[in-house]
Amino acid sequence: MLHRRCSRTAARPPRPRQAAPEPGVPVLDVVAILGILAVFAVVALIAKGVEKL
């Protein structure tokens, strides 16, 4: 039983390699920076609203 299971996995073709990321700024970094800026903007708006009270 174990031998069959091992031979099945060994018979699979190898996975194709993923393309190497292009040099430059990764998209996730840009999204993270935009998210952080948005959080700061919301906090600033809340602070201005509290200041007017």
PDB file of N, CA and C in Angstrom:
ATOM      1  N   MET A   1       0.821  -1.189   0.000  1.00  0.00           N
ATOM      2  CA  MET A   1       0.000   0.000   0.000  1.00  0.00           C
ATOM      3  C   MET A   1       0.868   1.256   0.000  1.00  0.00           C
ATOM      4  N   LEU A   2       1.857   1.272   0.871  1.00  0.00           N
ATOM      5  CA  LEU A   2       2.734   2.429   0.947  1.00  0.00           C
ATOM      6  C   LEU A   2       3.535   2.584  -0.344  1.00  0.00           C
ATOM      7  N   HIS A   3       3.936   1.425  -0.905  1.00  0.00           N
ATOM      8  CA  HIS A   3       4.711   1.471  -2.127  1.00  0.00           C
ATOM      9  C   HIS A   3       3.892   2.081  -3.271  1.00  0.00           C
ATOM     10  N   ARG A   4       2.621   1.742  -3.379  1.00  0.00           N
ATOM     11  CA  ARG A   4       1.773   2.294  -4.435  1.00  0.00           C
ATOM     12  C   ARG A   4       1.621   3.802  -4.273  1.00  0.00           C
ATOM     13  N   ARG A   5       1.425   4.227  -3.039  1.00  0.00           N
ATOM     14  CA  ARG A   5       1.239   5.655  -2.793  1.00  0.00           C
ATOM     15  C   ARG A   5       2.506   6.422  -3.193  1.00  0.00           C
ATOM     16  N   CYS A   6       3.658   5.891  -2.854  1.00  0.00           N
ATOM     17  CA  CYS A   6       4.915   6.557  -3.191  1.00  0.00           C
ATOM     18  C   CYS A   6       5.130   6.575  -4.699  1.00  0.00           C
ATOM     19  N   SER A   7       4.796   5.478  -5.373  1.00  0.00           N
ATOM     20  CA  SER A   7       5.028   5.426  -6.808  1.00  0.00           C
ATOM     21  C   SER A   7       4.081   6.365  -7.543  1.00  0.00           C
ATOM     22  N   ARG A   8       2.882   6.594  -6.999  1.00  0.00           N
ATOM     23  CA  ARG A   8       1.947   7.526  -7.631  1.00  0.00           C
ATOM     24  C   ARG A   8       2.487   8.951  -7.589  1.00  0.00           C
ATOM     25  N   THR A   9       3.004   9.327  -6.425  1.00  0.00           N
ATOM     26  CA  THR A   9       3.512  10.692  -6.315  1.00  0.00           C
ATOM     27  C   THR A   9       4.780  10.859  -7.140  1.00  0.00           C
ATOM     28  N   ALA A  10       5.556   9.811  -7.286  1.00  0.00           N
ATOM     29  CA  ALA A  10       6.784   9.896  -8.063  1.00  0.00           C
ATOM     30  C   ALA A  10       6.479   9.977  -9.555  1.00  0.00           C
ATOM     31  N   ALA A  11       5.308   9.482  -9.980  1.00  0.00           N
ATOM     32  CA  ALA A  11       4.963   9.472 -11.395  1.00  0.00           C
ATOM     33  C   ALA A  11       4.470  10.837 -11.876  1.00  0.00           C
ATOM     34  N   ARG A  12       4.189  11.748 -10.961  1.00  0.00           N
ATOM     35  CA  ARG A  12       3.693  13.071 -11.376  1.00  0.00           C
ATOM     36  C   ARG A  12       4.800  13.839 -12.079  1.00  0.00           C
ATOM     37  N   PRO A  13       4.431  14.608 -13.107  1.00  0.00           N
ATOM     38  CA  PRO A  13       5.451  15.433 -13.750  1.00  0.00           C
ATOM     39  C   PRO A  13       5.852  16.582 -12.828  1.00  0.00           C
ATOM     40  N   PRO A  14       7.060  17.053 -12.947  1.00  0.00           N
ATOM     41  CA  PRO A  14       7.490  18.149 -12.074  1.00  0.00           C
ATOM     42  C   PRO A  14       6.697  19.419 -12.368  1.00  0.00           C
ATOM     43  N   ARG A  15       6.483  20.218 -11.318  1.00  0.00           N
ATOM     44  CA  ARG A  15       5.737  21.471 -11.495  1.00  0.00           C
ATOM     45  C   ARG A  15       6.594  22.463 -12.274  1.00  0.00           C
ATOM     46  N   PRO A  16       5.954  23.239 -13.141  1.00  0.00           N
ATOM     47  CA  PRO A  16       6.743  24.264 -13.841  1.00  0.00           C
ATOM     48  C   PRO A  16       7.187  25.346 -12.862  1.00  0.00           C
ATOM     49  N   ARG A  17       8.353  25.879 -13.076  1.00  0.00           N
ATOM     50  CA  ARG A  17       8.862  26.927 -12.195  1.00  0.00           C
ATOM     51  C   ARG A  17       8.057  28.201 -12.381  1.00  0.00           C
ATOM     52  N   GLN A  18       7.872  28.911 -11.286  1.00  0.00           N
ATOM     53  CA  GLN A  18       7.179  30.191 -11.374  1.00  0.00           C
ATOM     54  C   GLN A  18       8.136  31.220 -11.949  1.00  0.00           C
ATOM     55  N   ALA A  19       7.578  32.169 -12.650  1.00  0.00           N
ATOM     56  CA  ALA A  19       8.410  33.215 -13.231  1.00  0.00           C
ATOM     57  C   ALA A  19       9.043  34.040 -12.118  1.00  0.00           C
ATOM     58  N   ALA A  20      10.279  34.400 -12.317  1.00  0.00           N
ATOM     59  CA  ALA A  20      10.978  35.216 -11.324  1.00  0.00           C
ATOM     60  C   ALA A  20      10.361  36.610 -11.307  1.00  0.00           C
ATOM     61  N   PRO A  21      10.194  37.194 -10.126  1.00  0.00           N
ATOM     62  CA  PRO A  21       9.617  38.536 -10.069  1.00  0.00           C
ATOM     63  C   PRO A  21      10.535  39.549 -10.742  1.00  0.00           C
ATOM     64  N   GLU A  22       9.911  40.492 -11.420  1.00  0.00           N
ATOM     65  CA  GLU A  22      10.689  41.518 -12.104  1.00  0.00           C
ATOM     66  C   GLU A  22      11.315  42.450 -11.086  1.00  0.00           C
ATOM     67  N   PRO A  23      12.478  42.984 -11.382  1.00  0.00           N
ATOM     68  CA  PRO A  23      13.083  43.934 -10.445  1.00  0.00           C
ATOM     69  C   PRO A  23      12.243  45.203 -10.363  1.00  0.00           C
ATOM     70  N   GLY A  24      12.250  45.830  -9.210  1.00  0.00           N
ATOM     71  CA  GLY A  24      11.444  47.021  -9.012  1.00  0.00           C
ATOM     72  C   GLY A  24      10.650  46.896  -7.733  1.00  0.00           C
ATOM     73  N   VAL A  25       9.645  47.725  -7.611  1.00  0.00           N
ATOM     74  CA  VAL A  25       8.826  47.724  -6.395  1.00  0.00           C
ATOM     75  C   VAL A  25       7.737  46.675  -6.544  1.00  0.00           C
ATOM     76  N   PRO A  26       7.689  45.700  -5.645  1.00  0.00           N
ATOM     77  CA  PRO A  26       6.610  44.709  -5.710  1.00  0.00           C
ATOM     78  C   PRO A  26       5.254  45.355  -5.439  1.00  0.00           C
ATOM     79  N   VAL A  27       4.236  44.782  -6.028  1.00  0.00           N
ATOM     80  CA  VAL A  27       2.891  45.340  -5.915  1.00  0.00           C
ATOM     81  C   VAL A  27       2.410  45.327  -4.474  1.00  0.00           C
ATOM     82  N   LEU A  28       2.752  44.287  -3.726  1.00  0.00           N
ATOM     83  CA  LEU A  28       2.277  44.209  -2.346  1.00  0.00           C
ATOM     84  C   LEU A  28       2.835  45.328  -1.489  1.00  0.00           C
ATOM     85  N   ASP A  29       4.069  45.746  -1.757  1.00  0.00           N
ATOM     86  CA  ASP A  29       4.637  46.865  -1.009  1.00  0.00           C
ATOM     87  C   ASP A  29       3.868  48.146  -1.295  1.00  0.00           C
ATOM     88  N   VAL A  30       3.516  48.360  -2.537  1.00  0.00           N
ATOM     89  CA  VAL A  30       2.757  49.563  -2.905  1.00  0.00           C
ATOM     90  C   VAL A  30       1.394  49.540  -2.235  1.00  0.00           C
ATOM     91  N   VAL A  31       0.743  48.392  -2.237  1.00  0.00           N
ATOM     92  CA  VAL A  31      -0.576  48.267  -1.607  1.00  0.00           C
ATOM     93  C   VAL A  31      -0.465  48.509  -0.107  1.00  0.00           C
ATOM     94  N   ALA A  32       0.572  47.995   0.525  1.00  0.00           N
ATOM     95  CA  ALA A  32       0.757  48.193   1.962  1.00  0.00           C
ATOM     96  C   ALA A  32       0.978  49.668   2.284  1.00  0.00           C
ATOM     97  N   ILE A  33       1.793  50.342   1.491  1.00  0.00           N
ATOM     98  CA  ILE A  33       2.051  51.766   1.728  1.00  0.00           C
ATOM     99  C   ILE A  33       0.775  52.578   1.539  1.00  0.00           C
ATOM    100  N   LEU A  34       0.001  52.273   0.502  1.00  0.00           N
ATOM    101  CA  LEU A  34      -1.259  52.982   0.289  1.00  0.00           C
ATOM    102  C   LEU A  34      -2.238  52.725   1.436  1.00  0.00           C
ATOM    103  N   GLY A  35      -2.265  51.511   1.948  1.00  0.00           N
ATOM    104  CA  GLY A  35      -3.130  51.198   3.080  1.00  0.00           C
ATOM    105  C   GLY A  35      -2.736  51.969   4.324  1.00  0.00           C
ATOM    106  N   ILE A  36      -1.446  52.056   4.580  1.00  0.00           N
ATOM    107  CA  ILE A  36      -0.965  52.799   5.751  1.00  0.00           C
ATOM    108  C   ILE A  36      -1.301  54.274   5.616  1.00  0.00           C
ATOM    109  N   LEU A  37      -1.110  54.840   4.425  1.00  0.00           N
ATOM    110  CA  LEU A  37      -1.456  56.244   4.198  1.00  0.00           C
ATOM    111  C   LEU A  37      -2.957  56.480   4.389  1.00  0.00           C
ATOM    112  N   ALA A  38      -3.769  55.546   3.946  1.00  0.00           N
ATOM    113  CA  ALA A  38      -5.215  55.676   4.120  1.00  0.00           C
ATOM    114  C   ALA A  38      -5.591  55.654   5.598  1.00  0.00           C
ATOM    115  N   VAL A  39      -4.947  54.799   6.371  1.00  0.00           N
ATOM    116  CA  VAL A  39      -5.220  54.747   7.812  1.00  0.00           C
ATOM    117  C   VAL A  39      -4.847  56.070   8.472  1.00  0.00           C
ATOM    118  N   PHE A  40      -3.695  56.622   8.115  1.00  0.00           N
ATOM    119  CA  PHE A  40      -3.291  57.906   8.677  1.00  0.00           C
ATOM    120  C   PHE A  40      -4.265  59.017   8.286  1.00  0.00           C
ATOM    121  N   ALA A  41      -4.773  58.980   7.059  1.00  0.00           N
ATOM    122  CA  ALA A  41      -5.732  59.992   6.617  1.00  0.00           C
ATOM    123  C   ALA A  41      -7.026  59.899   7.422  1.00  0.00           C
ATOM    124  N   VAL A  42      -7.495  58.683   7.673  1.00  0.00           N
ATOM    125  CA  VAL A  42      -8.718  58.503   8.467  1.00  0.00           C
ATOM    126  C   VAL A  42      -8.492  58.990   9.891  1.00  0.00           C
ATOM    127  N   VAL A  43      -7.349  58.676  10.469  1.00  0.00           N
ATOM    128  CA  VAL A  43      -7.042  59.121  11.831  1.00  0.00           C
ATOM    129  C   VAL A  43      -6.977  60.647  11.878  1.00  0.00           C
ATOM    130  N   ALA A  44      -6.396  61.277  10.863  1.00  0.00           N
ATOM    131  CA  ALA A  44      -6.323  62.728  10.813  1.00  0.00           C
ATOM    132  C   ALA A  44      -7.718  63.344  10.727  1.00  0.00           C
ATOM    133  N   LEU A  45      -8.597  62.752   9.923  1.00  0.00           N
ATOM    134  CA  LEU A  45      -9.964  63.276   9.809  1.00  0.00           C
ATOM    135  C   LEU A  45     -10.714  63.133  11.132  1.00  0.00           C
ATOM    136  N   ILE A  46     -10.528  62.025  11.808  1.00  0.00           N
ATOM    137  CA  ILE A  46     -11.180  61.832  13.108  1.00  0.00           C
ATOM    138  C   ILE A  46     -10.642  62.833  14.106  1.00  0.00           C
ATOM    139  N   ALA A  47      -9.338  63.097  14.090  1.00  0.00           N
ATOM    140  CA  ALA A  47      -8.738  64.053  15.012  1.00  0.00           C
ATOM    141  C   ALA A  47      -9.271  65.463  14.756  1.00  0.00           C
ATOM    142  N   LYS A  48      -9.442  65.842  13.497  1.00  0.00           N
ATOM    143  CA  LYS A  48     -10.004  67.149  13.185  1.00  0.00           C
ATOM    144  C   LYS A  48     -11.448  67.254  13.666  1.00  0.00           C
ATOM    145  N   GLY A  49     -12.210  66.175  13.499  1.00  0.00           N
ATOM    146  CA  GLY A  49     -13.591  66.162  13.959  1.00  0.00           C
ATOM    147  C   GLY A  49     -13.682  66.288  15.467  1.00  0.00           C
ATOM    148  N   VAL A  50     -12.818  65.610  16.190  1.00  0.00           N
ATOM    149  CA  VAL A  50     -12.808  65.678  17.655  1.00  0.00           C
ATOM    150  C   VAL A  50     -12.368  67.061  18.099  1.00  0.00           C
ATOM    151  N   GLU A  51     -11.462  67.669  17.371  1.00  0.00           N
ATOM    152  CA  GLU A  51     -10.957  68.998  17.716  1.00  0.00           C
ATOM    153  C   GLU A  51     -12.068  70.054  17.625  1.00  0.00           C
ATOM    154  N   LYS A  52     -13.009  69.862  16.693  1.00  0.00           N
ATOM    155  CA  LYS A  52     -14.094  70.826  16.514  1.00  0.00           C
ATOM    156  C   LYS A  52     -15.155  70.698  17.601  1.00  0.00           C
ATOM    157  N   LEU A  53     -15.187  69.600  18.315  1.00  0.00           N
ATOM    158  CA  LEU A  53     -16.216  69.409  19.364  1.00  0.00           C
ATOM    159  C   LEU A  53     -16.037  70.347  20.535  1.00  0.00           C
TER     160      LEU A  53
END
